[in-house]
Amino acid sequence: MYEQGLPLKRLHNALGKAAGMGVHDSQSRLWENQVCRSRSFWTRFEPRFRETFEAQLDSIPSDQLYLAINSVSKNPIRVDSDEVTYNLHIIIRFELERQLFAGYLSVKDIPEA
């Protein structure tokens, strides 16, 4: 969605290009983890979702579906994390990088840290 908003008349110069992966990451974070997991989004989208997956969702009530969409669990992969633990991935990575650059942590010790 971020790139859809870039000006077409600037397509062949820097103003028509994506600013970088940081912007992509923040935009996907906003849409995937904040907007698309919200109650208001699912109130509007659920009927269409149920039409598409009618057999799979037939016996699942709306509240149970919403809780499943918003489940929280440990996941070692940041981009597969839920809306709660995703932020923890960023915090831990920042703290590890800070220790690494300050010389308190060596590269070989990163996996254990």
C-alpha atoms as a PDB file:
ATOM      1  CA  MET A   1       0.000   0.000   0.000  1.00  0.00           C
ATOM      2  CA  TYR A   2       2.931   2.297   0.737  1.00  0.00           C
ATOM      3  CA  GLU A   3       4.277   2.049  -2.812  1.00  0.00           C
ATOM      4  CA  GLN A   4       0.808   2.572  -4.294  1.00  0.00           C
ATOM      5  CA  GLY A   5       0.926   6.114  -2.900  1.00  0.00           C
ATOM      6  CA  LEU A   6       4.151   7.064  -4.657  1.00  0.00           C
ATOM      7  CA  PRO A   7       3.750   9.637  -7.456  1.00  0.00           C
ATOM      8  CA  LEU A   8       3.695   7.995 -10.899  1.00  0.00           C
ATOM      9  CA  LYS A   9       5.156  11.072 -12.589  1.00  0.00           C
ATOM     10  CA  ARG A  10       8.245  10.640 -10.375  1.00  0.00           C
ATOM     11  CA  LEU A  11       8.606   6.906 -11.084  1.00  0.00           C
ATOM     12  CA  HIS A  12      12.062   7.272 -12.641  1.00  0.00           C
ATOM     13  CA  ASN A  13      13.730   9.338  -9.907  1.00  0.00           C
ATOM     14  CA  ALA A  14      14.235   9.162  -6.147  1.00  0.00           C
ATOM     15  CA  LEU A  15      10.842  10.715  -5.332  1.00  0.00           C
ATOM     16  CA  GLY A  16       9.103   7.819  -7.078  1.00  0.00           C
ATOM     17  CA  LYS A  17      10.994   5.059  -5.284  1.00  0.00           C
ATOM     18  CA  ALA A  18      10.430   3.418  -1.910  1.00  0.00           C
ATOM     19  CA  ALA A  19      12.380   5.088   0.896  1.00  0.00           C
ATOM     20  CA  GLY A  20      13.666   1.752   2.172  1.00  0.00           C
ATOM     21  CA  MET A  21      12.803  -1.445   3.988  1.00  0.00           C
ATOM     22  CA  GLY A  22      12.239   0.438   7.253  1.00  0.00           C
ATOM     23  CA  VAL A  23       9.192   2.153   5.784  1.00  0.00           C
ATOM     24  CA  HIS A  24       7.942  -1.125   4.307  1.00  0.00           C
ATOM     25  CA  ASP A  25       8.341  -2.812   7.672  1.00  0.00           C
ATOM     26  CA  SER A  26       6.518  -0.074   9.554  1.00  0.00           C
ATOM     27  CA  GLN A  27       3.669  -0.075   7.043  1.00  0.00           C
ATOM     28  CA  SER A  28       3.249  -3.857   7.102  1.00  0.00           C
ATOM     29  CA  ARG A  29       3.373  -3.724  10.896  1.00  0.00           C
ATOM     30  CA  LEU A  30       0.623  -1.124  10.958  1.00  0.00           C
ATOM     31  CA  TRP A  31      -1.678  -2.918   8.514  1.00  0.00           C
ATOM     32  CA  GLU A  32      -1.051  -6.566   9.398  1.00  0.00           C
ATOM     33  CA  ASN A  33      -0.744  -6.343  13.173  1.00  0.00           C
ATOM     34  CA  GLN A  34      -2.763  -3.281  14.122  1.00  0.00           C
ATOM     35  CA  VAL A  35      -5.495  -2.676  11.549  1.00  0.00           C
ATOM     36  CA  CYS A  36      -6.188  -6.208  10.290  1.00  0.00           C
ATOM     37  CA  ARG A  37      -6.351  -7.732  13.765  1.00  0.00           C
ATOM     38  CA  SER A  38      -8.685  -5.080  15.149  1.00  0.00           C
ATOM     39  CA  ARG A  39     -12.270  -5.812  16.160  1.00  0.00           C
ATOM     40  CA  SER A  40     -13.626  -3.144  13.786  1.00  0.00           C
ATOM     41  CA  PHE A  41     -11.786  -4.675  10.806  1.00  0.00           C
ATOM     42  CA  TRP A  42     -13.147  -8.143  11.575  1.00  0.00           C
ATOM     43  CA  THR A  43     -16.676  -6.869  12.164  1.00  0.00           C
ATOM     44  CA  ARG A  44     -16.621  -5.625   8.582  1.00  0.00           C
ATOM     45  CA  PHE A  45     -14.496  -8.392   6.951  1.00  0.00           C
ATOM     46  CA  GLU A  46     -15.734 -11.524   8.749  1.00  0.00           C
ATOM     47  CA  PRO A  47     -18.830 -12.154   6.576  1.00  0.00           C
ATOM     48  CA  ARG A  48     -16.682 -12.193   3.434  1.00  0.00           C
ATOM     49  CA  PHE A  49     -14.076 -14.387   5.143  1.00  0.00           C
ATOM     50  CA  ARG A  50     -16.807 -16.822   6.200  1.00  0.00           C
ATOM     51  CA  GLU A  51     -18.163 -16.988   2.639  1.00  0.00           C
ATOM     52  CA  THR A  52     -14.738 -17.982   1.368  1.00  0.00           C
ATOM     53  CA  PHE A  53     -14.050 -20.551   4.121  1.00  0.00           C
ATOM     54  CA  GLU A  54     -17.612 -21.628   4.871  1.00  0.00           C
ATOM     55  CA  ALA A  55     -16.886 -25.318   5.563  1.00  0.00           C
ATOM     56  CA  GLN A  56     -13.868 -24.623   7.770  1.00  0.00           C
ATOM     57  CA  LEU A  57     -15.568 -21.925   9.865  1.00  0.00           C
ATOM     58  CA  ASP A  58     -19.092 -23.327  10.103  1.00  0.00           C
ATOM     59  CA  SER A  59     -18.846 -24.389  13.751  1.00  0.00           C
ATOM     60  CA  ILE A  60     -16.584 -21.549  14.961  1.00  0.00           C
ATOM     61  CA  PRO A  61     -18.336 -18.595  16.647  1.00  0.00           C
ATOM     62  CA  SER A  62     -17.197 -15.037  15.897  1.00  0.00           C
ATOM     63  CA  ASP A  63     -15.624 -14.483  19.319  1.00  0.00           C
ATOM     64  CA  GLN A  64     -13.580 -17.677  19.062  1.00  0.00           C
ATOM     65  CA  LEU A  65     -12.405 -16.737  15.556  1.00  0.00           C
ATOM     66  CA  TYR A  66     -11.371 -13.281  16.742  1.00  0.00           C
ATOM     67  CA  LEU A  67      -9.402 -14.756  19.656  1.00  0.00           C
ATOM     68  CA  ALA A  68      -7.645 -17.189  17.306  1.00  0.00           C
ATOM     69  CA  ILE A  69      -6.665 -14.348  14.972  1.00  0.00           C
ATOM     70  CA  ASN A  70      -5.217 -12.473  17.945  1.00  0.00           C
ATOM     71  CA  SER A  71      -3.537 -15.345  19.764  1.00  0.00           C
ATOM     72  CA  VAL A  72      -0.255 -14.578  21.514  1.00  0.00           C
ATOM     73  CA  SER A  73       2.590 -17.100  21.560  1.00  0.00           C
ATOM     74  CA  LYS A  74       6.368 -17.318  21.568  1.00  0.00           C
ATOM     75  CA  ASN A  75       7.845 -17.331  18.089  1.00  0.00           C
ATOM     76  CA  PRO A  76      11.563 -17.025  17.303  1.00  0.00           C
ATOM     77  CA  ILE A  77      10.831 -15.398  13.923  1.00  0.00           C
ATOM     78  CA  ARG A  78       9.917 -11.710  14.157  1.00  0.00           C
ATOM     79  CA  VAL A  79       7.850 -11.444  10.981  1.00  0.00           C
ATOM     80  CA  ASP A  80       5.721 -14.438  12.044  1.00  0.00           C
ATOM     81  CA  SER A  81       5.099 -13.010  15.507  1.00  0.00           C
ATOM     82  CA  ASP A  82       1.833 -11.722  16.890  1.00  0.00           C
ATOM     83  CA  GLU A  83       1.065  -8.092  17.689  1.00  0.00           C
ATOM     84  CA  VAL A  84       2.375  -8.384  21.249  1.00  0.00           C
ATOM     85  CA  THR A  85       5.627 -10.292  20.841  1.00  0.00           C
ATOM     86  CA  TYR A  86       6.557  -8.540  17.573  1.00  0.00           C
ATOM     87  CA  ASN A  87       7.485  -5.457  19.575  1.00  0.00           C
ATOM     88  CA  LEU A  88       9.599  -7.564  21.931  1.00  0.00           C
ATOM     89  CA  HIS A  89      11.621  -8.842  18.966  1.00  0.00           C
ATOM     90  CA  ILE A  90      12.458  -5.257  18.024  1.00  0.00           C
ATOM     91  CA  ILE A  91      13.402  -4.321  21.597  1.00  0.00           C
ATOM     92  CA  ILE A  92      15.624  -7.393  22.082  1.00  0.00           C
ATOM     93  CA  ARG A  93      17.330  -6.868  18.728  1.00  0.00           C
ATOM     94  CA  PHE A  94      17.980  -3.218  19.554  1.00  0.00           C
ATOM     95  CA  GLU A  95      19.465  -4.123  22.950  1.00  0.00           C
ATOM     96  CA  LEU A  96      21.709  -6.800  21.401  1.00  0.00           C
ATOM     97  CA  GLU A  97      22.909  -4.428  18.688  1.00  0.00           C
ATOM     98  CA  ARG A  98      23.643  -1.738  21.261  1.00  0.00           C
ATOM     99  CA  GLN A  99      25.728  -4.179  23.330  1.00  0.00           C
ATOM    100  CA  LEU A 100      27.505  -5.379  20.189  1.00  0.00           C
ATOM    101  CA  PHE A 101      28.435  -1.876  19.009  1.00  0.00           C
ATOM    102  CA  ALA A 102      29.505  -0.833  22.506  1.00  0.00           C
ATOM    103  CA  GLY A 103      31.879  -3.794  22.676  1.00  0.00           C
ATOM    104  CA  TYR A 104      30.067  -5.572  25.550  1.00  0.00           C
ATOM    105  CA  LEU A 105      29.004  -8.466  23.334  1.00  0.00           C
ATOM    106  CA  SER A 106      30.965 -10.334  20.685  1.00  0.00           C
ATOM    107  CA  VAL A 107      29.464 -11.665  17.458  1.00  0.00           C
ATOM    108  CA  LYS A 108      30.013 -15.265  18.522  1.00  0.00           C
ATOM    109  CA  ASP A 109      28.014 -14.675  21.718  1.00  0.00           C
ATOM    110  CA  ILE A 110      24.904 -13.259  20.003  1.00  0.00           C
ATOM    111  CA  PRO A 111      22.981 -16.569  19.730  1.00  0.00           C
ATOM    112  CA  GLU A 112      23.354 -17.277  23.444  1.00  0.00           C
ATOM    113  CA  ALA A 113      22.570 -13.677  24.426  1.00  0.00           C
END
